[in-house]
């Protein structure tokens, strides 16, 4: 039996025993076997009545508590249905209203999240396309610059070859000038001898 049943049953049982004790004290002189039999039946009745009353109040509270635990663990579809038309019934209806509001809020949040996710995906897709286009432009520029660098290297090699050829031609020209100068000197020397 739960704590709430005991909290309700024990005061009823104690009150019943107290009342029986008062009747016993008032009629102490006329106590006979029938009175003890009635006393025993009344005591059993009081115990049963106390526990039954405790259960009557405890069962709806237990239902409500179990549903509240389910709701707190995330089960937004849980509802409590109490047949009582007292404050416990009102509490059950208030609980169901809270559960409905939470479920509606959760649905709105999920819808909003989906909407936001779709918008973010759309924006992200546009940004990815822009990034891909920019990356392709960078690749194209890089390839173009690499081609130009390769052409410059080829031109540099050709230029070096031309410089070497020019140096060689200068050397040959200098050699030819020297040969020509010698020839002219020899020719002048021969013309003077004649």
N, C-alpha and C. Protein backbone atom coordinates (compact mmCIF):
# COMPACT_ATOMS: atom_id res chain seq x y z
N UNK A 1 0.86 -1.18 0.00
CA UNK A 1 0.00 0.00 0.00
C UNK A 1 0.90 1.23 0.00
N UNK A 2 0.48 2.25 -0.69
CA UNK A 2 1.32 3.43 -0.86
C UNK A 2 1.22 4.37 0.34
N UNK A 3 2.13 5.34 0.34
CA UNK A 3 2.17 6.31 1.45
C UNK A 3 0.88 7.10 1.56
N UNK A 4 0.33 7.48 0.41
CA UNK A 4 -0.89 8.31 0.46
C UNK A 4 -2.05 7.51 1.04
N UNK A 5 -2.11 6.20 0.74
CA UNK A 5 -3.18 5.37 1.32
C UNK A 5 -3.07 5.35 2.83
N UNK A 6 -1.83 5.17 3.32
CA UNK A 6 -1.63 5.17 4.77
C UNK A 6 -1.97 6.52 5.38
N UNK A 7 -1.59 7.59 4.69
CA UNK A 7 -1.85 8.93 5.23
C UNK A 7 -3.34 9.20 5.35
N UNK A 8 -4.13 8.58 4.48
CA UNK A 8 -5.58 8.77 4.55
C UNK A 8 -6.21 7.76 5.50
N UNK A 9 -5.75 6.50 5.45
CA UNK A 9 -6.38 5.42 6.23
C UNK A 9 -6.10 5.55 7.73
N UNK A 10 -4.88 5.88 8.09
CA UNK A 10 -4.51 5.89 9.51
C UNK A 10 -5.35 6.88 10.32
N UNK A 11 -5.56 8.11 9.88
CA UNK A 11 -6.43 9.00 10.69
C UNK A 11 -7.85 8.47 10.83
N UNK A 12 -8.38 7.83 9.77
CA UNK A 12 -9.74 7.28 9.86
C UNK A 12 -9.77 6.14 10.87
N UNK A 13 -8.77 5.26 10.81
CA UNK A 13 -8.73 4.13 11.75
C UNK A 13 -8.56 4.62 13.17
N UNK A 14 -7.66 5.56 13.40
CA UNK A 14 -7.43 6.09 14.76
C UNK A 14 -8.70 6.76 15.28
N UNK A 15 -9.37 7.51 14.42
CA UNK A 15 -10.62 8.17 14.85
C UNK A 15 -11.67 7.13 15.20
N UNK A 16 -11.79 6.08 14.38
CA UNK A 16 -12.77 5.02 14.67
C UNK A 16 -12.47 4.33 15.98
N UNK A 17 -11.19 4.01 16.22
CA UNK A 17 -10.82 3.36 17.48
C UNK A 17 -11.10 4.29 18.67
N UNK A 18 -10.83 5.56 18.47
CA UNK A 18 -11.10 6.54 19.53
C UNK A 18 -12.59 6.58 19.86
N UNK A 19 -13.43 6.59 18.84
CA UNK A 19 -14.90 6.63 19.06
C UNK A 19 -15.36 5.36 19.76
N UNK A 20 -14.84 4.21 19.32
CA UNK A 20 -15.22 2.94 19.97
C UNK A 20 -14.79 2.95 21.44
N UNK A 21 -13.60 3.49 21.66
CA UNK A 21 -13.11 3.56 23.05
C UNK A 21 -14.02 4.43 23.90
N UNK A 22 -14.51 5.51 23.35
CA UNK A 22 -15.42 6.40 24.10
C UNK A 22 -16.71 5.65 24.43
N UNK A 23 -17.27 4.94 23.45
CA UNK A 23 -18.50 4.17 23.72
C UNK A 23 -18.25 3.09 24.77
N UNK A 24 -17.08 2.49 24.72
CA UNK A 24 -16.76 1.46 25.72
C UNK A 24 -16.67 2.09 27.12
N UNK A 25 -16.09 3.27 27.17
CA UNK A 25 -15.94 3.93 28.47
C UNK A 25 -17.30 4.34 29.02
N UNK A 26 -18.21 4.75 28.15
CA UNK A 26 -19.54 5.16 28.61
C UNK A 26 -20.37 3.97 29.09
N UNK A 27 -20.23 2.84 28.45
CA UNK A 27 -21.02 1.67 28.80
C UNK A 27 -20.15 0.58 29.42
N UNK A 28 -19.23 0.94 30.22
CA UNK A 28 -18.26 0.00 30.78
C UNK A 28 -18.95 -1.05 31.65
N UNK A 29 -19.98 -0.68 32.34
CA UNK A 29 -20.66 -1.59 33.25
C UNK A 29 -21.52 -2.60 32.52
N UNK A 30 -21.97 -2.32 31.33
CA UNK A 30 -22.88 -3.23 30.62
C UNK A 30 -22.15 -4.00 29.51
N UNK A 31 -20.89 -4.23 29.61
CA UNK A 31 -20.15 -4.94 28.57
C UNK A 31 -20.42 -6.43 28.68
N UNK A 32 -20.86 -7.01 27.59
CA UNK A 32 -21.10 -8.45 27.55
C UNK A 32 -20.53 -9.01 26.24
N UNK A 33 -20.76 -10.28 25.95
CA UNK A 33 -20.19 -10.94 24.78
C UNK A 33 -20.68 -10.31 23.48
N UNK A 34 -21.91 -9.94 23.41
CA UNK A 34 -22.47 -9.33 22.20
C UNK A 34 -21.75 -8.01 21.92
N UNK A 35 -21.51 -7.24 22.97
CA UNK A 35 -20.81 -5.96 22.79
C UNK A 35 -19.41 -6.19 22.22
N UNK A 36 -18.70 -7.21 22.75
CA UNK A 36 -17.35 -7.49 22.24
C UNK A 36 -17.42 -7.96 20.78
N UNK A 37 -18.45 -8.72 20.45
CA UNK A 37 -18.63 -9.16 19.06
C UNK A 37 -18.88 -7.95 18.16
N UNK A 38 -19.77 -7.06 18.57
CA UNK A 38 -20.05 -5.85 17.81
C UNK A 38 -18.80 -4.98 17.74
N UNK A 39 -18.07 -4.91 18.86
CA UNK A 39 -16.82 -4.14 18.89
C UNK A 39 -15.83 -4.70 17.86
N UNK A 40 -15.69 -6.02 17.79
CA UNK A 40 -14.76 -6.65 16.83
C UNK A 40 -15.20 -6.37 15.40
N UNK A 41 -16.49 -6.52 15.12
CA UNK A 41 -17.01 -6.24 13.78
C UNK A 41 -16.79 -4.77 13.41
N UNK A 42 -17.07 -3.90 14.37
CA UNK A 42 -16.89 -2.46 14.11
C UNK A 42 -15.41 -2.15 13.86
N UNK A 43 -14.52 -2.76 14.64
CA UNK A 43 -13.09 -2.53 14.45
C UNK A 43 -12.65 -3.01 13.06
N UNK A 44 -13.11 -4.20 12.66
CA UNK A 44 -12.78 -4.71 11.31
C UNK A 44 -13.35 -3.77 10.26
N UNK A 45 -14.59 -3.34 10.46
CA UNK A 45 -15.22 -2.42 9.51
C UNK A 45 -14.42 -1.11 9.41
N UNK A 46 -13.99 -0.59 10.52
CA UNK A 46 -13.23 0.67 10.52
C UNK A 46 -11.91 0.49 9.78
N UNK A 47 -11.22 -0.63 10.04
CA UNK A 47 -9.97 -0.89 9.33
C UNK A 47 -10.21 -0.99 7.82
N UNK A 48 -11.21 -1.77 7.43
CA UNK A 48 -11.51 -1.93 6.00
C UNK A 48 -11.96 -0.60 5.38
N UNK A 49 -12.80 0.12 6.12
CA UNK A 49 -13.27 1.42 5.63
C UNK A 49 -12.10 2.39 5.46
N UNK A 50 -11.19 2.40 6.42
CA UNK A 50 -10.02 3.30 6.34
C UNK A 50 -9.15 2.98 5.14
N UNK A 51 -8.85 1.69 4.98
CA UNK A 51 -8.00 1.32 3.85
C UNK A 51 -8.71 1.51 2.51
N UNK A 52 -10.01 1.22 2.47
CA UNK A 52 -10.76 1.42 1.23
C UNK A 52 -10.81 2.91 0.86
N UNK A 53 -11.02 3.73 1.87
CA UNK A 53 -11.03 5.18 1.62
C UNK A 53 -9.66 5.64 1.15
N UNK A 54 -8.61 5.13 1.80
CA UNK A 54 -7.24 5.48 1.37
C UNK A 54 -7.00 5.07 -0.07
N UNK A 55 -7.44 3.88 -0.45
CA UNK A 55 -7.27 3.41 -1.82
C UNK A 55 -8.08 4.25 -2.81
N UNK A 56 -9.29 4.63 -2.38
CA UNK A 56 -10.15 5.42 -3.27
C UNK A 56 -9.47 6.75 -3.64
N UNK A 57 -8.76 7.34 -2.69
CA UNK A 57 -8.06 8.59 -2.98
C UNK A 57 -6.69 8.34 -3.60
N UNK A 58 -6.08 7.21 -3.24
CA UNK A 58 -4.72 6.95 -3.72
C UNK A 58 -4.68 6.54 -5.19
N UNK A 59 -5.66 5.77 -5.65
CA UNK A 59 -5.63 5.28 -7.04
C UNK A 59 -5.62 6.43 -8.06
N UNK A 60 -6.51 7.42 -7.96
CA UNK A 60 -6.44 8.52 -8.93
C UNK A 60 -5.14 9.31 -8.84
N UNK A 61 -4.64 9.47 -7.61
CA UNK A 61 -3.38 10.20 -7.44
C UNK A 61 -2.24 9.41 -8.07
N UNK A 62 -2.24 8.07 -7.89
CA UNK A 62 -1.21 7.23 -8.50
C UNK A 62 -1.26 7.32 -10.03
N UNK A 63 -2.48 7.27 -10.58
CA UNK A 63 -2.63 7.40 -12.04
C UNK A 63 -2.05 8.72 -12.51
N UNK A 64 -2.43 9.76 -11.82
CA UNK A 64 -1.95 11.10 -12.18
C UNK A 64 -0.43 11.19 -12.07
N UNK A 65 0.12 10.63 -11.01
CA UNK A 65 1.57 10.65 -10.82
C UNK A 65 2.28 9.86 -11.92
N UNK A 66 1.76 8.68 -12.26
CA UNK A 66 2.38 7.88 -13.33
C UNK A 66 2.36 8.63 -14.65
N UNK A 67 1.23 9.25 -14.97
CA UNK A 67 1.14 10.01 -16.23
C UNK A 67 2.06 11.22 -16.20
N UNK A 68 2.19 11.85 -15.03
CA UNK A 68 3.10 13.00 -14.92
C UNK A 68 4.54 12.56 -15.14
N UNK A 69 4.90 11.39 -14.62
CA UNK A 69 6.25 10.87 -14.84
C UNK A 69 6.46 10.57 -16.33
N UNK A 70 5.45 9.94 -16.96
CA UNK A 70 5.54 9.67 -18.40
C UNK A 70 5.72 10.97 -19.19
N UNK A 71 4.96 11.98 -18.82
CA UNK A 71 5.06 13.27 -19.51
C UNK A 71 6.43 13.90 -19.30
N UNK A 72 6.94 13.81 -18.08
CA UNK A 72 8.26 14.41 -17.81
C UNK A 72 9.37 13.68 -18.54
N UNK A 73 9.16 12.40 -18.90
CA UNK A 73 10.15 11.63 -19.65
C UNK A 73 10.01 11.82 -21.15
N UNK A 74 9.08 12.65 -21.58
CA UNK A 74 8.99 13.00 -22.99
C UNK A 74 7.81 12.40 -23.73
N UNK A 75 6.96 11.61 -23.09
CA UNK A 75 5.80 11.04 -23.76
C UNK A 75 4.67 12.07 -23.76
N UNK A 76 4.60 12.85 -24.84
CA UNK A 76 3.62 13.93 -24.90
C UNK A 76 2.22 13.44 -25.26
N UNK A 77 2.08 12.16 -25.58
CA UNK A 77 0.76 11.63 -25.92
C UNK A 77 0.02 11.09 -24.69
N UNK A 78 0.67 11.07 -23.55
CA UNK A 78 0.04 10.51 -22.34
C UNK A 78 -1.07 11.43 -21.84
N UNK A 79 -2.16 10.79 -21.43
CA UNK A 79 -3.30 11.52 -20.86
C UNK A 79 -3.80 10.74 -19.66
N UNK A 80 -4.50 11.40 -18.76
CA UNK A 80 -5.08 10.73 -17.60
C UNK A 80 -6.59 10.95 -17.64
N UNK A 81 -7.33 9.86 -17.43
CA UNK A 81 -8.79 9.93 -17.45
C UNK A 81 -9.31 9.44 -16.10
N UNK A 82 -9.81 10.38 -15.31
CA UNK A 82 -10.35 10.07 -14.00
C UNK A 82 -11.86 10.27 -14.04
N UNK A 83 -12.58 9.28 -13.47
CA UNK A 83 -14.04 9.34 -13.51
C UNK A 83 -14.62 10.22 -12.40
N UNK A 84 -13.78 10.73 -11.54
CA UNK A 84 -14.28 11.51 -10.41
C UNK A 84 -14.70 12.90 -10.87
N UNK A 85 -15.65 13.46 -10.16
CA UNK A 85 -16.13 14.80 -10.49
C UNK A 85 -15.72 15.80 -9.41
N UNK A 86 -14.64 15.48 -8.73
CA UNK A 86 -14.16 16.35 -7.66
C UNK A 86 -12.88 17.05 -8.11
N UNK A 87 -12.11 17.51 -7.15
CA UNK A 87 -10.89 18.25 -7.47
C UNK A 87 -9.86 17.39 -8.19
N UNK A 88 -9.85 16.09 -7.88
CA UNK A 88 -8.93 15.20 -8.59
C UNK A 88 -9.28 15.11 -10.08
N UNK A 89 -10.57 15.07 -10.38
CA UNK A 89 -11.01 15.10 -11.77
C UNK A 89 -10.60 16.40 -12.45
N UNK A 90 -10.75 17.53 -11.73
CA UNK A 90 -10.32 18.82 -12.26
C UNK A 90 -8.81 18.83 -12.50
N UNK A 91 -8.08 18.24 -11.57
CA UNK A 91 -6.62 18.15 -11.72
C UNK A 91 -6.26 17.31 -12.95
N UNK A 92 -6.98 16.20 -13.16
CA UNK A 92 -6.76 15.36 -14.34
C UNK A 92 -7.02 16.12 -15.64
N UNK A 93 -8.10 16.90 -15.66
CA UNK A 93 -8.41 17.68 -16.87
C UNK A 93 -7.35 18.76 -17.10
N UNK A 94 -6.89 19.38 -16.02
CA UNK A 94 -5.82 20.39 -16.14
C UNK A 94 -4.54 19.73 -16.65
N UNK A 95 -4.25 18.53 -16.15
CA UNK A 95 -3.07 17.80 -16.62
C UNK A 95 -3.18 17.52 -18.12
N UNK A 96 -4.35 17.07 -18.57
CA UNK A 96 -4.55 16.78 -19.99
C UNK A 96 -4.40 18.05 -20.84
N UNK A 97 -4.87 19.16 -20.33
CA UNK A 97 -4.74 20.43 -21.06
C UNK A 97 -3.26 20.81 -21.17
N UNK A 98 -2.51 20.64 -20.09
CA UNK A 98 -1.07 20.93 -20.13
C UNK A 98 -0.38 20.02 -21.14
N UNK A 99 -0.75 18.73 -21.12
CA UNK A 99 -0.15 17.77 -22.07
C UNK A 99 -0.48 18.16 -23.51
N UNK A 100 -1.74 18.58 -23.76
CA UNK A 100 -2.11 19.03 -25.11
C UNK A 100 -1.29 20.24 -25.53
N UNK A 101 -1.15 21.21 -24.63
CA UNK A 101 -0.37 22.42 -24.95
C UNK A 101 1.09 22.06 -25.24
N UNK A 102 1.65 21.17 -24.44
CA UNK A 102 3.04 20.75 -24.67
C UNK A 102 3.19 20.04 -26.02
N UNK A 103 2.21 19.20 -26.34
CA UNK A 103 2.28 18.48 -27.61
C UNK A 103 2.16 19.45 -28.79
N UNK A 104 1.25 20.42 -28.68
CA UNK A 104 1.11 21.41 -29.75
C UNK A 104 2.39 22.25 -29.88
N UNK A 105 2.96 22.64 -28.75
CA UNK A 105 4.21 23.41 -28.78
C UNK A 105 5.33 22.60 -29.42
N UNK A 106 5.40 21.33 -29.05
CA UNK A 106 6.43 20.46 -29.62
C UNK A 106 6.24 20.33 -31.13
N UNK A 107 4.99 20.19 -31.57
CA UNK A 107 4.71 20.10 -33.01
C UNK A 107 5.12 21.38 -33.73
N UNK A 108 4.79 22.53 -33.13
CA UNK A 108 5.18 23.81 -33.74
C UNK A 108 6.70 23.94 -33.82
N UNK A 109 7.37 23.53 -32.74
CA UNK A 109 8.83 23.61 -32.73
C UNK A 109 9.42 22.72 -33.83
N UNK A 110 8.90 21.49 -33.96
CA UNK A 110 9.40 20.58 -34.99
C UNK A 110 9.15 21.17 -36.39
N UNK A 111 7.96 21.74 -36.60
CA UNK A 111 7.66 22.35 -37.88
C UNK A 111 8.60 23.51 -38.16
N UNK A 112 8.82 24.33 -37.15
CA UNK A 112 9.73 25.47 -37.31
C UNK A 112 11.15 25.00 -37.61
N UNK A 113 11.60 23.96 -36.88
CA UNK A 113 12.95 23.43 -37.12
C UNK A 113 13.08 22.91 -38.54
N UNK A 114 12.05 22.19 -39.01
CA UNK A 114 12.10 21.67 -40.38
C UNK A 114 12.16 22.81 -41.39
N UNK A 115 11.35 23.85 -41.14
CA UNK A 115 11.35 25.01 -42.04
C UNK A 115 12.71 25.68 -42.05
N UNK A 116 13.28 25.87 -40.86
CA UNK A 116 14.59 26.50 -40.76
C UNK A 116 15.65 25.63 -41.44
N UNK A 117 15.56 24.31 -41.22
CA UNK A 117 16.52 23.40 -41.85
C UNK A 117 16.44 23.50 -43.37
N UNK A 118 15.22 23.58 -43.90
CA UNK A 118 15.06 23.69 -45.36
C UNK A 118 15.66 25.00 -45.86
N UNK A 119 15.40 26.09 -45.14
CA UNK A 119 15.95 27.39 -45.55
C UNK A 119 17.47 27.38 -45.47
N UNK A 120 18.00 26.79 -44.41
CA UNK A 120 19.46 26.73 -44.25
C UNK A 120 20.06 25.88 -45.37
N UNK A 121 19.41 24.75 -45.69
CA UNK A 121 19.92 23.90 -46.77
C UNK A 121 19.90 24.65 -48.10
N UNK A 122 18.83 25.41 -48.34
CA UNK A 122 18.75 26.18 -49.59
C UNK A 122 19.87 27.21 -49.65
N UNK A 123 20.05 27.95 -48.56
CA UNK A 123 21.12 28.96 -48.52
C UNK A 123 22.49 28.30 -48.64
N UNK A 124 22.65 27.19 -47.96
CA UNK A 124 23.92 26.47 -48.01
C UNK A 124 24.20 25.97 -49.42
N UNK A 125 23.17 25.50 -50.09
CA UNK A 125 23.35 25.00 -51.46
C UNK A 125 23.80 26.15 -52.36
N UNK A 126 23.19 27.32 -52.22
CA UNK A 126 23.58 28.48 -53.03
C UNK A 126 25.04 28.84 -52.73
N UNK A 127 25.39 28.85 -51.45
CA UNK A 127 26.77 29.18 -51.07
C UNK A 127 27.75 28.13 -51.61
N UNK A 128 27.36 26.86 -51.56
CA UNK A 128 28.23 25.82 -52.08
C UNK A 128 28.44 25.99 -53.58
N UNK A 129 27.39 26.37 -54.29
CA UNK A 129 27.52 26.59 -55.74
C UNK A 129 28.48 27.76 -56.00
N UNK A 130 28.34 28.82 -55.22
CA UNK A 130 29.23 29.98 -55.38
C UNK A 130 30.67 29.58 -55.07
N UNK A 131 30.84 28.82 -53.99
CA UNK A 131 32.20 28.38 -53.61
C UNK A 131 32.79 27.50 -54.70
N UNK A 132 31.98 26.58 -55.24
CA UNK A 132 32.47 25.71 -56.31
C UNK A 132 32.86 26.53 -57.54
N UNK A 133 32.04 27.54 -57.88
CA UNK A 133 32.36 28.39 -59.03
C UNK A 133 33.67 29.15 -58.78
N UNK A 134 33.83 29.68 -57.58
CA UNK A 134 35.07 30.41 -57.25
C UNK A 134 36.28 29.47 -57.27
N UNK A 135 36.10 28.27 -56.74
CA UNK A 135 37.20 27.30 -56.76
C UNK A 135 37.60 26.97 -58.20
N UNK A 136 36.60 26.82 -59.06
CA UNK A 136 36.89 26.52 -60.46
C UNK A 136 37.63 27.68 -61.11
N UNK A 137 37.23 28.92 -60.79
CA UNK A 137 37.93 30.09 -61.33
C UNK A 137 39.38 30.11 -60.85
N UNK A 138 39.57 29.81 -59.57
CA UNK A 138 40.93 29.79 -59.03
C UNK A 138 41.76 28.71 -59.73
N UNK A 139 41.17 27.54 -59.94
CA UNK A 139 41.89 26.46 -60.64
C UNK A 139 42.25 26.90 -62.06
N UNK A 140 41.29 27.53 -62.73
CA UNK A 140 41.55 27.99 -64.11
C UNK A 140 42.67 29.03 -64.12
N UNK A 141 42.62 29.97 -63.18
CA UNK A 141 43.67 31.00 -63.12
C UNK A 141 45.02 30.37 -62.80
N UNK A 142 44.99 29.41 -61.88
CA UNK A 142 46.23 28.74 -61.51
C UNK A 142 46.82 28.01 -62.71
N UNK A 143 45.98 27.32 -63.46
CA UNK A 143 46.46 26.62 -64.66
C UNK A 143 47.01 27.61 -65.68
N UNK A 144 46.30 28.72 -65.84
CA UNK A 144 46.75 29.75 -66.78
C UNK A 144 48.11 30.32 -66.34
N UNK A 145 48.23 30.63 -65.06
CA UNK A 145 49.50 31.15 -64.54
C UNK A 145 50.62 30.11 -64.68
N UNK A 146 50.32 28.85 -64.45
CA UNK A 146 51.32 27.80 -64.60
C UNK A 146 51.76 27.70 -66.05
N UNK A 147 50.82 27.82 -66.96
CA UNK A 147 51.15 27.79 -68.40
C UNK A 147 52.06 28.96 -68.75
N UNK A 148 51.72 30.14 -68.20
CA UNK A 148 52.55 31.32 -68.48
C UNK A 148 53.95 31.14 -67.89
N UNK A 149 54.02 30.58 -66.68
CA UNK A 149 55.32 30.34 -66.04
C UNK A 149 56.13 29.37 -66.89
N UNK A 150 55.48 28.31 -67.37
CA UNK A 150 56.17 27.34 -68.22
C UNK A 150 56.69 28.01 -69.49
N UNK A 151 55.85 28.86 -70.09
CA UNK A 151 56.28 29.58 -71.31
C UNK A 151 57.46 30.49 -70.99
N UNK A 152 57.41 31.18 -69.83
CA UNK A 152 58.52 32.06 -69.45
C UNK A 152 59.81 31.26 -69.25
N UNK A 153 59.69 30.10 -68.66
CA UNK A 153 60.88 29.26 -68.47
C UNK A 153 61.47 28.85 -69.81
N UNK A 154 60.59 28.49 -70.75
CA UNK A 154 61.07 28.13 -72.09
C UNK A 154 61.75 29.34 -72.74
N UNK A 155 61.13 30.51 -72.58
CA UNK A 155 61.72 31.74 -73.16
C UNK A 155 63.05 32.04 -72.50
N UNK A 156 63.13 31.86 -71.18
CA UNK A 156 64.41 32.09 -70.48
C UNK A 156 65.49 31.15 -71.00
N UNK A 157 65.13 29.87 -71.20
CA UNK A 157 66.10 28.91 -71.71
C UNK A 157 66.56 29.33 -73.10
N UNK A 158 65.61 29.74 -73.93
CA UNK A 158 65.96 30.20 -75.28
C UNK A 158 66.84 31.43 -75.21
N UNK A 159 66.49 32.34 -74.28
CA UNK A 159 67.27 33.56 -74.11
C UNK A 159 68.70 33.23 -73.69
N UNK A 160 68.85 32.30 -72.76
CA UNK A 160 70.19 31.89 -72.33
C UNK A 160 70.97 31.28 -73.49
N UNK A 161 70.25 30.43 -74.26
CA UNK A 161 70.90 29.83 -75.42
C UNK A 161 71.34 30.91 -76.41
N UNK A 162 70.48 31.90 -76.60
CA UNK A 162 70.81 32.99 -77.53
C UNK A 162 71.99 33.80 -77.00
N UNK A 163 72.00 34.04 -75.68
CA UNK A 163 73.12 34.77 -75.07
C UNK A 163 74.42 34.01 -75.26
N UNK A 164 74.32 32.68 -75.05
CA UNK A 164 75.52 31.86 -75.24
C UNK A 164 75.97 31.89 -76.70
N UNK A 165 75.01 31.83 -77.61
CA UNK A 165 75.34 31.91 -79.03
C UNK A 165 75.96 33.26 -79.36
N UNK A 166 75.37 34.33 -78.74
CA UNK A 166 75.88 35.68 -78.97
C UNK A 166 77.30 35.78 -78.44
N UNK A 167 77.55 35.25 -77.27
CA UNK A 167 78.90 35.27 -76.70
C UNK A 167 79.87 34.51 -77.60
N UNK A 168 79.42 33.37 -78.09
CA UNK A 168 80.26 32.57 -78.97
C UNK A 168 80.53 33.32 -80.27
N UNK A 169 79.49 33.96 -80.78
CA UNK A 169 79.67 34.74 -82.02
C UNK A 169 80.60 35.92 -81.78
N UNK A 170 80.50 36.58 -80.62
CA UNK A 170 81.40 37.69 -80.30
C UNK A 170 82.84 37.19 -80.25
N UNK A 171 82.98 36.02 -79.61
CA UNK A 171 84.32 35.45 -79.52
C UNK A 171 84.87 35.13 -80.90
N UNK A 172 84.02 34.54 -81.73
CA UNK A 172 84.45 34.22 -83.10
C UNK A 172 84.75 35.51 -83.86
N UNK A 173 83.91 36.53 -83.63
CA UNK A 173 84.13 37.82 -84.30
C UNK A 173 85.45 38.44 -83.85
N UNK A 174 85.72 38.35 -82.55
CA UNK A 174 86.99 38.86 -82.04
C UNK A 174 88.16 38.09 -82.65
N UNK A 175 87.99 36.78 -82.72
CA UNK A 175 89.04 35.96 -83.34
C UNK A 175 89.24 36.36 -84.80
N UNK A 176 88.12 36.59 -85.49
CA UNK A 176 88.20 36.99 -86.90
C UNK A 176 88.84 38.37 -87.04
N UNK A 177 88.52 39.27 -86.10
CA UNK A 177 89.12 40.60 -86.14
C UNK A 177 90.62 40.49 -85.94
N UNK A 178 90.99 39.64 -85.01
CA UNK A 178 92.43 39.46 -84.78
C UNK A 178 93.11 38.87 -86.03
N UNK A 179 92.44 37.89 -86.62
CA UNK A 179 92.99 37.29 -87.84
C UNK A 179 93.04 38.35 -88.93
N UNK A 180 92.01 39.16 -89.04
CA UNK A 180 91.97 40.21 -90.06
C UNK A 180 93.06 41.23 -89.79
N UNK A 181 93.21 41.60 -88.54
CA UNK A 181 94.26 42.57 -88.19
C UNK A 181 95.63 41.98 -88.53
N UNK A 182 95.86 40.74 -88.24
CA UNK A 182 97.14 40.12 -88.59
C UNK A 182 97.34 40.10 -90.11
N UNK A 183 96.24 39.78 -90.76
CA UNK A 183 96.33 39.73 -92.22
C UNK A 183 96.64 41.12 -92.76
N UNK A 184 96.04 42.12 -92.22
CA UNK A 184 96.27 43.49 -92.69
C UNK A 184 97.69 43.89 -92.35
N UNK A 185 98.14 43.50 -91.19
CA UNK A 185 99.52 43.84 -90.81
C UNK A 185 100.47 43.10 -91.78
N UNK A 186 100.20 41.89 -92.05
CA UNK A 186 101.06 41.12 -92.96
C UNK A 186 100.98 41.71 -94.37
N UNK A 187 99.86 42.11 -94.78
CA UNK A 187 99.69 42.67 -96.10
C UNK A 187 100.44 44.01 -96.19
N UNK A 188 100.34 44.80 -95.16
CA UNK A 188 101.05 46.09 -95.15
C UNK A 188 102.58 45.80 -95.16
N UNK A 189 102.90 44.77 -94.42
CA UNK A 189 104.33 44.43 -94.37
C UNK A 189 104.77 43.91 -95.72
N UNK A 190 104.02 43.25 -96.45
CA UNK A 190 104.35 42.75 -97.76
C UNK A 190 104.33 43.89 -98.76
N UNK A 191 103.43 44.77 -98.65
CA UNK A 191 103.37 45.89 -99.56
C UNK A 191 104.56 46.81 -99.30
N UNK A 192 105.10 46.93 -98.24
CA UNK A 192 106.24 47.76 -97.95
C UNK A 192 107.48 47.06 -98.45
N UNK A 193 107.55 45.86 -98.46
CA UNK A 193 108.70 45.13 -98.94
C UNK A 193 108.75 45.19 -100.46
N UNK A 194 107.84 45.34 -101.09
CA UNK A 194 107.84 45.36 -102.54
C UNK A 194 108.27 46.66 -102.98
